[in-house]
N, C-alpha and C. Protein backbone atom coordinates (compact mmCIF):
# COMPACT_ATOMS: atom_id res chain seq x y z
N UNK A 1 164.48 109.18 81.79
CA UNK A 1 164.45 108.13 82.82
C UNK A 1 164.02 106.85 82.22
N UNK A 2 164.73 105.84 82.55
CA UNK A 2 164.46 104.56 81.98
C UNK A 2 163.40 103.88 82.83
N UNK A 3 162.47 103.28 82.14
CA UNK A 3 161.42 102.51 82.88
C UNK A 3 161.68 101.02 82.60
N UNK A 4 161.66 100.27 83.65
CA UNK A 4 161.88 98.82 83.44
C UNK A 4 160.49 98.10 83.59
N UNK A 5 160.18 97.34 82.66
CA UNK A 5 159.00 96.51 82.73
C UNK A 5 159.31 95.10 83.02
N UNK A 6 158.68 94.63 84.21
CA UNK A 6 158.97 93.29 84.63
C UNK A 6 158.09 92.35 83.82
N UNK A 7 158.68 91.43 83.17
CA UNK A 7 157.98 90.52 82.34
C UNK A 7 157.89 89.14 83.00
N UNK A 8 156.61 88.61 83.02
CA UNK A 8 156.43 87.28 83.56
C UNK A 8 156.75 86.20 82.50
N UNK A 9 157.46 85.25 82.79
CA UNK A 9 157.67 84.17 81.77
C UNK A 9 156.35 83.52 81.47
N UNK A 10 156.22 83.08 80.25
CA UNK A 10 154.93 82.48 79.85
C UNK A 10 154.62 81.21 80.70
N UNK A 11 155.62 80.50 81.10
CA UNK A 11 155.42 79.32 81.86
C UNK A 11 154.79 79.59 83.26
N UNK A 12 155.13 80.71 83.85
CA UNK A 12 154.61 80.99 85.16
C UNK A 12 153.16 81.36 85.08
N UNK A 13 152.68 81.97 83.99
CA UNK A 13 151.25 82.25 83.84
C UNK A 13 150.47 80.95 83.74
N UNK A 14 151.02 79.94 83.00
CA UNK A 14 150.32 78.65 82.86
C UNK A 14 150.24 77.95 84.24
N UNK A 15 151.32 78.06 85.01
CA UNK A 15 151.32 77.41 86.33
C UNK A 15 150.28 78.04 87.21
N UNK A 16 150.17 79.41 87.18
CA UNK A 16 149.20 80.14 88.00
C UNK A 16 147.77 79.71 87.61
N UNK A 17 147.51 79.56 86.31
CA UNK A 17 146.21 79.15 85.83
C UNK A 17 145.87 77.76 86.30
N UNK A 18 146.82 76.88 86.23
CA UNK A 18 146.59 75.45 86.65
C UNK A 18 146.29 75.46 88.18
N UNK A 19 147.12 76.26 88.92
CA UNK A 19 146.91 76.31 90.39
C UNK A 19 145.51 76.84 90.72
N UNK A 20 145.08 77.87 90.00
CA UNK A 20 143.73 78.38 90.25
C UNK A 20 142.62 77.42 89.98
N UNK A 21 142.81 76.66 88.90
CA UNK A 21 141.82 75.63 88.47
C UNK A 21 141.82 74.49 89.52
N UNK A 22 142.98 74.16 90.02
CA UNK A 22 143.09 73.08 91.04
C UNK A 22 142.39 73.51 92.30
N UNK A 23 142.61 74.70 92.74
CA UNK A 23 141.95 75.24 93.91
C UNK A 23 140.40 75.24 93.74
N UNK A 24 139.99 75.70 92.57
CA UNK A 24 138.58 75.75 92.27
C UNK A 24 137.96 74.36 92.26
N UNK A 25 138.71 73.38 91.73
CA UNK A 25 138.20 71.99 91.72
C UNK A 25 138.10 71.42 93.10
N UNK A 26 139.08 71.76 93.98
CA UNK A 26 139.02 71.29 95.35
C UNK A 26 137.87 71.84 96.11
N UNK A 27 137.68 73.17 95.93
CA UNK A 27 136.54 73.83 96.61
C UNK A 27 135.17 73.24 96.10
N UNK A 28 135.04 73.01 94.76
CA UNK A 28 133.85 72.39 94.22
C UNK A 28 133.59 71.01 94.82
N UNK A 29 134.73 70.19 94.84
CA UNK A 29 134.57 68.85 95.39
C UNK A 29 134.17 68.82 96.83
N UNK A 30 134.59 69.84 97.58
CA UNK A 30 134.27 69.91 99.01
C UNK A 30 132.78 70.38 99.22
N UNK A 31 132.38 71.38 98.42
CA UNK A 31 131.06 72.03 98.69
C UNK A 31 129.89 71.29 97.91
N UNK A 32 130.18 70.64 96.80
CA UNK A 32 129.16 70.04 96.00
C UNK A 32 128.36 69.02 96.74
N UNK A 33 128.96 68.08 97.48
CA UNK A 33 128.15 67.12 98.25
C UNK A 33 127.24 67.78 99.25
N UNK A 34 127.71 68.81 99.94
CA UNK A 34 126.94 69.50 100.91
C UNK A 34 125.72 70.21 100.23
N UNK A 35 125.99 70.78 99.10
CA UNK A 35 124.91 71.45 98.37
C UNK A 35 123.91 70.42 97.92
N UNK A 36 124.34 69.28 97.39
CA UNK A 36 123.42 68.22 96.89
C UNK A 36 122.57 67.71 98.07
N UNK A 37 123.27 67.43 99.15
CA UNK A 37 122.51 66.99 100.37
C UNK A 37 121.45 67.94 100.83
N UNK A 38 121.81 69.26 100.83
CA UNK A 38 120.91 70.27 101.25
C UNK A 38 119.66 70.34 100.28
N UNK A 39 119.89 70.24 99.01
CA UNK A 39 118.80 70.15 98.05
C UNK A 39 117.88 68.95 98.18
N UNK A 40 118.55 67.82 98.35
CA UNK A 40 117.76 66.57 98.58
C UNK A 40 116.98 66.58 99.89
N UNK A 41 117.58 67.15 100.91
CA UNK A 41 116.90 67.27 102.20
C UNK A 41 115.75 68.20 102.07
N UNK A 42 115.86 69.27 101.28
CA UNK A 42 114.71 70.15 101.09
C UNK A 42 113.62 69.47 100.36
N UNK A 43 113.96 68.65 99.33
CA UNK A 43 112.93 67.90 98.63
C UNK A 43 112.22 66.88 99.50
N UNK A 44 113.02 66.16 100.32
CA UNK A 44 112.49 65.21 101.25
C UNK A 44 111.55 65.86 102.27
N UNK A 45 111.93 67.03 102.78
CA UNK A 45 111.13 67.79 103.74
C UNK A 45 109.79 68.18 103.15
N UNK A 46 109.84 68.57 101.85
CA UNK A 46 108.59 68.95 101.17
C UNK A 46 107.69 67.74 100.99
N UNK A 47 108.29 66.57 100.70
CA UNK A 47 107.49 65.40 100.52
C UNK A 47 106.81 64.92 101.82
N UNK A 48 107.57 65.08 102.89
CA UNK A 48 107.00 64.71 104.18
C UNK A 48 105.88 65.63 104.53
N UNK A 49 106.02 66.87 104.25
CA UNK A 49 104.97 67.90 104.49
C UNK A 49 103.75 67.51 103.66
N UNK A 50 103.95 67.16 102.41
CA UNK A 50 102.79 66.75 101.58
C UNK A 50 102.16 65.51 102.04
N UNK A 51 103.00 64.54 102.52
CA UNK A 51 102.43 63.34 103.04
C UNK A 51 101.57 63.54 104.22
N UNK A 52 102.01 64.44 105.12
CA UNK A 52 101.23 64.73 106.29
C UNK A 52 99.90 65.41 105.86
N UNK A 53 100.02 66.21 104.86
CA UNK A 53 98.76 66.92 104.34
C UNK A 53 97.78 65.91 103.85
N UNK A 54 98.29 64.92 103.05
CA UNK A 54 97.41 63.90 102.55
C UNK A 54 96.76 62.98 103.68
N UNK A 55 97.56 62.72 104.67
CA UNK A 55 97.05 61.91 105.80
C UNK A 55 95.94 62.67 106.50
N UNK A 56 96.18 63.97 106.72
CA UNK A 56 95.14 64.76 107.43
C UNK A 56 93.93 64.92 106.57
N UNK A 57 94.08 64.96 105.27
CA UNK A 57 92.89 65.09 104.38
C UNK A 57 92.05 63.84 104.52
N UNK A 58 92.66 62.66 104.68
CA UNK A 58 91.88 61.44 104.82
C UNK A 58 91.12 61.49 106.11
N UNK A 59 91.74 61.88 107.20
CA UNK A 59 91.10 61.98 108.47
C UNK A 59 89.88 62.97 108.39
N UNK A 60 90.18 64.11 107.79
CA UNK A 60 89.14 65.11 107.66
C UNK A 60 87.93 64.64 106.88
N UNK A 61 88.20 63.88 105.78
CA UNK A 61 87.15 63.45 104.94
C UNK A 61 86.24 62.47 105.65
N UNK A 62 86.84 61.56 106.48
CA UNK A 62 85.99 60.58 107.20
C UNK A 62 85.22 61.31 108.33
N UNK A 63 85.81 62.26 109.01
CA UNK A 63 85.15 63.00 110.02
C UNK A 63 83.96 63.76 109.44
N UNK A 64 84.16 64.32 108.25
CA UNK A 64 83.05 65.03 107.62
C UNK A 64 81.91 64.11 107.15
N UNK A 65 82.30 62.91 106.64
CA UNK A 65 81.32 61.90 106.31
C UNK A 65 80.40 61.53 107.49
N UNK A 66 81.01 61.28 108.60
CA UNK A 66 80.23 60.94 109.76
C UNK A 66 79.39 62.05 110.31
N UNK A 67 79.93 63.27 110.18
CA UNK A 67 79.23 64.46 110.75
C UNK A 67 78.09 64.89 109.84
N UNK A 68 78.27 64.75 108.50
CA UNK A 68 77.34 65.40 107.57
C UNK A 68 76.32 64.41 107.02
N UNK A 69 76.59 63.18 107.15
CA UNK A 69 75.68 62.12 106.53
C UNK A 69 74.93 61.35 107.57
N UNK A 70 73.61 61.28 107.42
CA UNK A 70 72.75 60.53 108.28
C UNK A 70 72.76 59.05 107.88
N UNK A 71 73.10 58.81 106.62
CA UNK A 71 73.10 57.43 106.13
C UNK A 71 74.39 57.19 105.31
N UNK A 72 75.21 56.31 105.82
CA UNK A 72 76.40 55.84 105.08
C UNK A 72 76.61 54.38 105.36
N UNK A 73 77.33 53.74 104.44
CA UNK A 73 77.51 52.30 104.50
C UNK A 73 78.94 51.98 104.92
N UNK A 74 79.17 50.68 105.25
CA UNK A 74 80.51 50.30 105.60
C UNK A 74 81.46 50.46 104.44
N UNK A 75 81.01 50.37 103.23
CA UNK A 75 81.87 50.54 102.06
C UNK A 75 82.32 52.00 101.86
N UNK A 76 81.61 52.94 102.57
CA UNK A 76 82.02 54.35 102.49
C UNK A 76 83.17 54.66 103.41
N UNK A 77 83.42 53.69 104.36
CA UNK A 77 84.45 53.87 105.39
C UNK A 77 85.70 53.11 104.93
N UNK A 78 86.83 53.51 105.62
CA UNK A 78 88.07 52.71 105.33
C UNK A 78 87.84 51.26 105.77
N UNK A 79 88.52 50.32 105.19
CA UNK A 79 88.33 48.92 105.42
C UNK A 79 88.73 48.55 106.90
N UNK A 80 87.98 47.66 107.48
CA UNK A 80 88.28 47.18 108.82
C UNK A 80 89.38 46.17 108.82
N UNK A 81 90.19 46.24 109.91
CA UNK A 81 91.25 45.22 110.01
C UNK A 81 90.72 43.96 110.61
N UNK A 82 89.49 43.99 111.09
CA UNK A 82 88.90 42.83 111.73
C UNK A 82 89.17 42.77 113.23
N UNK A 83 89.85 43.74 113.76
CA UNK A 83 90.15 43.75 115.17
C UNK A 83 89.37 44.86 115.82
N UNK A 84 88.91 44.55 117.08
CA UNK A 84 88.21 45.52 117.86
C UNK A 84 89.15 46.40 118.73
N UNK A 85 90.38 45.88 118.93
CA UNK A 85 91.32 46.55 119.79
C UNK A 85 91.96 47.74 119.14
N UNK A 86 91.87 48.89 119.75
CA UNK A 86 92.48 50.11 119.22
C UNK A 86 94.01 49.99 119.36
N UNK A 87 94.46 49.27 120.34
CA UNK A 87 95.93 49.15 120.57
C UNK A 87 96.56 48.29 119.51
N UNK A 88 95.81 47.47 118.79
CA UNK A 88 96.43 46.58 117.74
C UNK A 88 96.46 47.26 116.42
N UNK A 89 95.92 48.40 116.31
CA UNK A 89 95.85 49.06 114.98
C UNK A 89 97.19 49.33 114.37
N UNK A 90 98.20 49.79 115.19
CA UNK A 90 99.50 50.07 114.70
C UNK A 90 100.23 48.86 114.13
N UNK A 91 99.85 47.69 114.53
CA UNK A 91 100.46 46.51 113.97
C UNK A 91 99.88 45.99 112.67
N UNK A 92 98.92 46.76 112.13
CA UNK A 92 98.40 46.41 110.82
C UNK A 92 99.49 46.37 109.73
N UNK A 93 99.42 45.30 108.97
CA UNK A 93 100.52 45.12 107.99
C UNK A 93 100.54 46.28 106.94
N UNK A 94 101.70 46.50 106.41
CA UNK A 94 101.86 47.48 105.30
C UNK A 94 101.08 46.99 104.05
N UNK A 95 100.79 47.88 103.14
CA UNK A 95 100.06 47.46 101.95
C UNK A 95 100.86 46.48 101.10
N UNK A 96 100.18 45.48 100.64
CA UNK A 96 100.84 44.47 99.73
C UNK A 96 100.29 44.58 98.29
N UNK A 97 99.44 45.61 98.11
CA UNK A 97 98.77 45.77 96.80
C UNK A 97 98.53 47.33 96.59
N UNK A 98 99.21 47.89 95.60
CA UNK A 98 99.06 49.30 95.31
C UNK A 98 98.53 49.58 93.96
N UNK A 99 98.10 48.55 93.23
CA UNK A 99 97.69 48.72 91.89
C UNK A 99 96.21 48.42 91.65
N UNK A 100 95.59 47.58 92.48
CA UNK A 100 94.20 47.21 92.32
C UNK A 100 93.23 48.28 92.69
N UNK A 101 93.52 48.95 93.82
CA UNK A 101 92.64 49.97 94.33
C UNK A 101 92.95 51.35 93.70
N UNK A 102 91.97 51.96 93.08
CA UNK A 102 92.18 53.25 92.40
C UNK A 102 91.46 54.43 93.13
N UNK A 103 90.59 54.09 94.06
CA UNK A 103 89.86 55.11 94.78
C UNK A 103 89.80 54.76 96.26
N UNK A 104 90.07 55.77 97.07
CA UNK A 104 89.98 55.55 98.52
C UNK A 104 88.48 55.78 98.96
N UNK A 105 87.89 54.86 99.82
CA UNK A 105 88.55 53.78 100.55
C UNK A 105 88.72 52.55 99.70
N UNK A 106 89.75 51.79 99.98
CA UNK A 106 90.00 50.49 99.26
C UNK A 106 89.12 49.43 99.94
N UNK A 107 89.08 48.23 99.31
CA UNK A 107 88.26 47.14 99.81
C UNK A 107 88.81 46.49 101.04
N UNK A 108 90.11 46.38 101.11
CA UNK A 108 90.75 45.71 102.26
C UNK A 108 91.93 46.54 102.72
N UNK A 109 92.31 46.28 103.96
CA UNK A 109 93.43 47.08 104.54
C UNK A 109 94.77 46.74 103.93
N UNK A 110 94.85 45.64 103.18
CA UNK A 110 96.08 45.23 102.50
C UNK A 110 96.26 46.10 101.27
N UNK A 111 95.28 46.79 100.79
CA UNK A 111 95.36 47.57 99.61
C UNK A 111 95.72 49.05 99.89
N UNK A 112 96.28 49.72 98.97
CA UNK A 112 96.53 51.13 99.09
C UNK A 112 96.32 51.78 97.71
N UNK A 113 96.08 53.05 97.68
CA UNK A 113 95.79 53.70 96.39
C UNK A 113 96.91 54.69 96.15
N UNK A 114 97.21 54.94 94.86
CA UNK A 114 98.24 55.94 94.46
C UNK A 114 97.41 57.27 94.31
N UNK A 115 97.84 58.22 95.06
CA UNK A 115 97.19 59.58 95.04
C UNK A 115 98.17 60.65 94.59
N UNK A 116 97.74 61.49 93.76
CA UNK A 116 98.58 62.56 93.22
C UNK A 116 98.34 63.87 93.92
N UNK A 117 99.38 64.49 94.42
CA UNK A 117 99.32 65.79 95.02
C UNK A 117 100.44 66.70 94.52
N UNK A 118 100.01 67.80 93.82
CA UNK A 118 101.02 68.71 93.22
C UNK A 118 101.99 67.97 92.29
N UNK A 119 101.41 67.18 91.43
CA UNK A 119 102.19 66.41 90.41
C UNK A 119 103.11 65.39 91.00
N UNK A 120 102.97 64.99 92.21
CA UNK A 120 103.77 63.99 92.85
C UNK A 120 102.90 62.84 93.34
N UNK A 121 103.26 61.62 93.01
CA UNK A 121 102.46 60.47 93.40
C UNK A 121 102.84 59.93 94.79
N UNK A 122 101.84 59.61 95.57
CA UNK A 122 102.03 59.07 96.89
C UNK A 122 101.17 57.77 97.00
N UNK A 123 101.54 56.90 97.91
CA UNK A 123 100.74 55.78 98.24
C UNK A 123 100.01 55.95 99.56
N UNK A 124 98.67 55.83 99.57
CA UNK A 124 97.87 56.12 100.76
C UNK A 124 97.16 54.83 101.18
N UNK A 125 97.42 54.45 102.41
CA UNK A 125 96.73 53.27 102.96
C UNK A 125 95.86 53.71 104.12
N UNK A 126 94.57 53.36 104.11
CA UNK A 126 93.65 53.70 105.23
C UNK A 126 93.03 52.42 105.76
N UNK A 127 92.84 52.40 107.05
CA UNK A 127 92.21 51.21 107.74
C UNK A 127 91.64 51.67 109.08
N UNK A 128 90.89 50.77 109.68
CA UNK A 128 90.27 51.09 110.95
C UNK A 128 89.97 49.85 111.79
N UNK A 129 89.65 50.05 113.04
CA UNK A 129 89.15 48.98 113.89
C UNK A 129 87.70 48.76 113.49
N UNK A 130 87.17 47.61 113.97
CA UNK A 130 85.71 47.36 113.75
C UNK A 130 84.88 48.45 114.37
N UNK A 131 85.31 48.86 115.57
CA UNK A 131 84.65 50.02 116.18
C UNK A 131 83.38 49.65 116.90
N UNK A 132 82.58 50.70 117.12
CA UNK A 132 81.30 50.59 117.88
C UNK A 132 80.13 50.84 116.91
N UNK A 133 79.31 49.81 116.64
CA UNK A 133 78.14 49.94 115.85
C UNK A 133 77.02 50.73 116.57
N UNK A 134 76.18 51.31 115.77
CA UNK A 134 75.18 52.21 116.36
C UNK A 134 74.19 51.43 117.28
N UNK A 135 73.90 50.20 116.94
CA UNK A 135 72.94 49.43 117.81
C UNK A 135 73.53 49.05 119.18
N UNK A 136 74.82 49.24 119.28
CA UNK A 136 75.46 48.97 120.62
C UNK A 136 75.18 50.05 121.63
N UNK A 137 74.78 51.25 121.13
CA UNK A 137 74.46 52.33 122.03
C UNK A 137 72.97 52.77 121.86
N UNK A 138 72.32 52.28 120.86
CA UNK A 138 70.93 52.64 120.61
C UNK A 138 70.15 51.38 120.33
N UNK A 139 69.34 50.97 121.29
CA UNK A 139 68.56 49.73 121.20
C UNK A 139 67.45 49.79 120.14
N UNK A 140 67.08 51.02 119.69
CA UNK A 140 66.07 51.21 118.70
C UNK A 140 66.59 50.83 117.28
N UNK A 141 67.82 50.66 117.13
CA UNK A 141 68.40 50.39 115.84
C UNK A 141 68.64 48.87 115.73
N UNK A 142 67.95 48.25 114.74
CA UNK A 142 68.11 46.80 114.60
C UNK A 142 69.48 46.42 114.03
N UNK A 143 69.88 45.20 114.40
CA UNK A 143 71.20 44.75 113.93
C UNK A 143 71.34 44.73 112.42
N UNK A 144 70.27 44.43 111.75
CA UNK A 144 70.23 44.30 110.33
C UNK A 144 69.86 45.57 109.57
N UNK A 145 69.66 46.67 110.29
CA UNK A 145 69.25 47.90 109.75
C UNK A 145 70.44 48.57 109.00
N UNK A 146 70.03 49.30 107.94
CA UNK A 146 71.06 50.02 107.21
C UNK A 146 71.72 51.13 108.06
N UNK A 147 71.05 51.53 109.14
CA UNK A 147 71.55 52.56 109.98
C UNK A 147 72.55 52.03 111.03
N UNK A 148 72.63 50.67 111.08
CA UNK A 148 73.56 50.11 112.06
C UNK A 148 74.95 49.99 111.47
N UNK A 149 75.59 51.11 111.45
CA UNK A 149 76.97 51.28 110.92
C UNK A 149 77.86 51.75 112.05
N UNK A 150 79.13 51.57 111.86
CA UNK A 150 80.09 52.09 112.90
C UNK A 150 79.94 53.59 113.13
N UNK A 151 79.83 53.93 114.33
CA UNK A 151 79.75 55.35 114.69
C UNK A 151 80.92 55.86 115.53
N UNK A 152 81.83 54.92 115.84
CA UNK A 152 83.08 55.26 116.57
C UNK A 152 84.11 54.20 116.27
N UNK A 153 85.33 54.59 115.87
CA UNK A 153 86.38 53.62 115.61
C UNK A 153 87.71 54.35 115.58
N UNK A 154 88.71 53.56 115.62
CA UNK A 154 90.14 54.10 115.54
C UNK A 154 90.55 53.99 114.16
N UNK A 155 91.01 55.10 113.60
CA UNK A 155 91.39 55.27 112.13
C UNK A 155 92.84 55.31 112.03
N UNK A 156 93.41 54.57 111.03
CA UNK A 156 94.83 54.68 110.69
C UNK A 156 95.01 55.09 109.28
N UNK A 157 96.04 55.96 109.06
CA UNK A 157 96.42 56.42 107.71
C UNK A 157 97.93 56.34 107.61
N UNK A 158 98.40 55.77 106.55
CA UNK A 158 99.81 55.77 106.20
C UNK A 158 100.03 56.29 104.80
N UNK A 159 100.99 57.17 104.63
CA UNK A 159 101.35 57.71 103.36
C UNK A 159 102.74 57.48 103.03
N UNK A 160 102.96 56.85 101.85
CA UNK A 160 104.33 56.49 101.34
C UNK A 160 104.68 57.47 100.24
N UNK A 161 105.97 57.77 100.11
CA UNK A 161 106.42 58.63 99.05
C UNK A 161 106.59 58.03 97.69
N UNK A 162 106.96 58.81 96.62
CA UNK A 162 107.09 58.30 95.28
C UNK A 162 108.17 57.25 95.09
N UNK A 163 109.19 57.26 95.95
CA UNK A 163 110.25 56.24 95.84
C UNK A 163 109.70 54.90 96.24
N UNK A 164 108.71 54.87 97.13
CA UNK A 164 108.08 53.61 97.52
C UNK A 164 107.36 52.94 96.36
N UNK A 165 106.81 53.70 95.45
CA UNK A 165 106.15 53.10 94.28
C UNK A 165 107.13 52.33 93.44
N UNK A 166 108.26 53.00 93.12
CA UNK A 166 109.29 52.32 92.35
C UNK A 166 109.82 51.07 93.02
N UNK A 167 110.10 51.23 94.32
CA UNK A 167 110.61 50.14 95.14
C UNK A 167 109.65 48.97 95.14
N UNK A 168 108.36 49.28 95.35
CA UNK A 168 107.38 48.18 95.38
C UNK A 168 107.25 47.51 93.99
N UNK A 169 107.22 48.31 92.99
CA UNK A 169 107.05 47.77 91.66
C UNK A 169 108.23 46.86 91.22
N UNK A 170 109.38 47.05 91.91
CA UNK A 170 110.59 46.18 91.62
C UNK A 170 110.59 44.98 92.55
N UNK A 171 109.54 44.79 93.30
CA UNK A 171 109.44 43.57 94.18
C UNK A 171 109.82 43.80 95.67
N UNK A 172 110.00 45.08 96.02
CA UNK A 172 110.34 45.36 97.42
C UNK A 172 109.05 45.34 98.29
N UNK A 173 109.24 45.05 99.56
CA UNK A 173 108.14 45.00 100.51
C UNK A 173 108.17 46.28 101.39
N UNK A 174 107.03 46.90 101.39
CA UNK A 174 106.89 48.17 102.20
C UNK A 174 106.85 47.82 103.72
N UNK A 175 107.23 48.73 104.55
CA UNK A 175 107.23 48.53 105.98
C UNK A 175 106.10 49.37 106.61
N UNK A 176 105.63 48.93 107.76
CA UNK A 176 104.39 49.49 108.28
C UNK A 176 104.65 50.73 109.18
N UNK A 177 105.92 50.85 109.84
CA UNK A 177 106.09 51.90 110.77
C UNK A 177 107.09 52.89 110.18
N UNK A 178 107.07 54.12 110.61
CA UNK A 178 108.01 55.15 110.12
C UNK A 178 109.38 54.75 110.65
N UNK A 179 110.42 54.90 109.85
CA UNK A 179 111.75 54.59 110.27
C UNK A 179 112.26 55.58 111.32
N UNK A 180 112.96 55.00 112.30
CA UNK A 180 113.52 55.94 113.34
C UNK A 180 114.97 56.37 112.97
N UNK A 181 115.48 55.82 111.87
CA UNK A 181 116.85 56.17 111.42
C UNK A 181 116.80 56.79 110.03
N UNK A 182 117.36 57.99 109.96
CA UNK A 182 117.40 58.66 108.68
C UNK A 182 118.77 59.42 108.50
N UNK A 183 119.78 58.79 109.10
CA UNK A 183 121.17 59.45 109.04
C UNK A 183 121.83 59.12 107.75
N UNK A 184 122.22 60.20 107.13
CA UNK A 184 123.02 59.96 105.84
C UNK A 184 122.09 60.02 104.62
N UNK A 185 122.67 60.39 103.46
CA UNK A 185 121.83 60.53 102.26
C UNK A 185 121.29 59.18 101.80
N UNK A 186 122.19 58.15 101.74
CA UNK A 186 121.76 56.84 101.29
C UNK A 186 120.72 56.22 102.20
N UNK A 187 120.98 56.39 103.51
CA UNK A 187 120.02 55.84 104.45
C UNK A 187 118.65 56.52 104.34
N UNK A 188 118.66 57.82 104.13
CA UNK A 188 117.44 58.55 103.99
C UNK A 188 116.64 58.14 102.76
N UNK A 189 117.34 57.84 101.65
CA UNK A 189 116.71 57.44 100.43
C UNK A 189 116.10 56.00 100.58
N UNK A 190 116.81 55.10 101.28
CA UNK A 190 116.28 53.77 101.58
C UNK A 190 115.05 53.85 102.46
N UNK A 191 115.12 54.76 103.44
CA UNK A 191 113.98 54.87 104.32
C UNK A 191 112.78 55.32 103.56
N UNK A 192 112.87 56.32 102.67
CA UNK A 192 111.81 56.88 101.96
C UNK A 192 111.22 55.81 100.97
N UNK A 193 112.03 54.86 100.57
CA UNK A 193 111.58 53.89 99.59
C UNK A 193 110.74 52.73 100.32
N UNK A 194 110.98 52.52 101.59
CA UNK A 194 110.38 51.39 102.29
C UNK A 194 109.35 51.83 103.32
N UNK A 195 109.61 52.97 104.02
CA UNK A 195 108.77 53.34 105.16
C UNK A 195 107.82 54.49 104.83
N UNK A 196 106.68 54.59 105.55
CA UNK A 196 105.78 55.71 105.35
C UNK A 196 106.42 57.04 105.74
N UNK A 197 106.07 58.09 104.99
CA UNK A 197 106.60 59.37 105.25
C UNK A 197 105.71 60.03 106.40
N UNK A 198 104.51 59.53 106.50
CA UNK A 198 103.57 60.09 107.50
C UNK A 198 102.62 59.02 107.96
N UNK A 199 102.26 58.99 109.19
CA UNK A 199 101.27 58.10 109.75
C UNK A 199 100.43 58.87 110.74
N UNK A 200 99.11 58.53 110.77
CA UNK A 200 98.19 59.12 111.70
C UNK A 200 97.28 58.03 112.33
N UNK A 201 97.07 58.07 113.57
CA UNK A 201 96.10 57.19 114.20
C UNK A 201 95.25 58.05 115.11
N UNK A 202 94.00 58.11 114.81
CA UNK A 202 93.04 58.97 115.56
C UNK A 202 91.72 58.28 115.81
N UNK A 203 91.04 58.69 116.90
CA UNK A 203 89.72 58.17 117.15
C UNK A 203 88.71 59.08 116.45
N UNK A 204 87.80 58.38 115.72
CA UNK A 204 86.75 59.16 114.97
C UNK A 204 85.41 58.75 115.58
N UNK A 205 84.55 59.69 115.84
CA UNK A 205 83.27 59.49 116.39
C UNK A 205 82.21 60.28 115.71
N UNK A 206 81.05 59.76 115.40
CA UNK A 206 79.91 60.52 114.84
C UNK A 206 79.38 61.36 115.95
N UNK A 207 79.60 62.63 115.87
CA UNK A 207 79.37 63.51 117.02
C UNK A 207 77.97 64.08 117.07
N UNK A 208 77.12 63.84 116.09
CA UNK A 208 75.80 64.49 116.11
C UNK A 208 74.71 63.49 116.56
N UNK A 209 75.06 62.49 117.33
CA UNK A 209 74.12 61.54 117.88
C UNK A 209 73.87 61.92 119.36
N UNK A 210 72.66 61.54 119.82
CA UNK A 210 72.39 61.77 121.25
C UNK A 210 73.24 60.95 122.18
N UNK A 211 73.77 59.86 121.67
CA UNK A 211 74.61 58.97 122.47
C UNK A 211 76.00 58.89 121.91
N UNK A 212 76.54 59.94 121.38
CA UNK A 212 77.88 59.95 120.85
C UNK A 212 78.86 59.73 121.97
N UNK A 213 78.65 60.32 123.14
CA UNK A 213 79.57 60.18 124.28
C UNK A 213 79.63 58.72 124.68
N UNK A 214 78.50 58.02 124.66
CA UNK A 214 78.47 56.62 125.05
C UNK A 214 79.28 55.80 124.04
N UNK A 215 79.22 56.18 122.76
CA UNK A 215 79.94 55.46 121.75
C UNK A 215 81.46 55.69 121.93
N UNK A 216 81.83 56.91 122.21
CA UNK A 216 83.24 57.23 122.45
C UNK A 216 83.81 56.50 123.74
N UNK A 217 83.01 56.47 124.77
CA UNK A 217 83.41 55.83 125.98
C UNK A 217 83.59 54.33 125.74
N UNK A 218 82.69 53.70 124.97
CA UNK A 218 82.85 52.29 124.66
C UNK A 218 84.06 52.01 123.78
N UNK A 219 84.33 52.92 122.85
CA UNK A 219 85.51 52.81 122.02
C UNK A 219 86.78 52.77 122.86
N UNK A 220 86.85 53.62 123.81
CA UNK A 220 88.09 53.69 124.66
C UNK A 220 88.34 52.46 125.47
N UNK A 221 87.24 51.67 125.66
CA UNK A 221 87.48 50.44 126.44
C UNK A 221 87.87 49.25 125.57
N UNK A 222 87.89 49.44 124.30
CA UNK A 222 88.19 48.31 123.44
C UNK A 222 89.71 48.11 123.32
């Protein structure tokens, strides 16, 4: 019995290989951007989580200072914006100096410090209202006493990502409020360079005083 072997021309094998490579290239071109965006989104989400962690750490450290220390100075607290109004705190300008201050708290609200978390650098800005001084609720404390320190105030914390450092060092101006627009890869990267990744505004009160409630009530009226 004769057996016939069908032979493929050499040219058809080359065409099939080119077709397969073309299909592979098309699939790669379609899926690569989606994969890249997914990876960058994951990195951005991680940075936002870290930024929120840093912001909360600043709030916790100030609360612990007030709760655990009987004697602290104004220099131990975040810098005052000079305003007594808690509603004006969000309008505090973004930091215009991220190189002079190396330890939080900084000297002025215009300064921010570069803080490293898990080998990633962030910019942290802290500030507060003038708040309620202790002698405002306790007449036994003299105005010039070292104990006459703020015992209730509104605290603000903004945390910017690593892109903001490069952007600022190239002459860019940071923005004070979180961006409401983050659509698209390019837009997201621009937002991360200019806007804070996390912001917190909270009322802080020294809670171990006999008149802590009075301080808090007075703060709410400011």
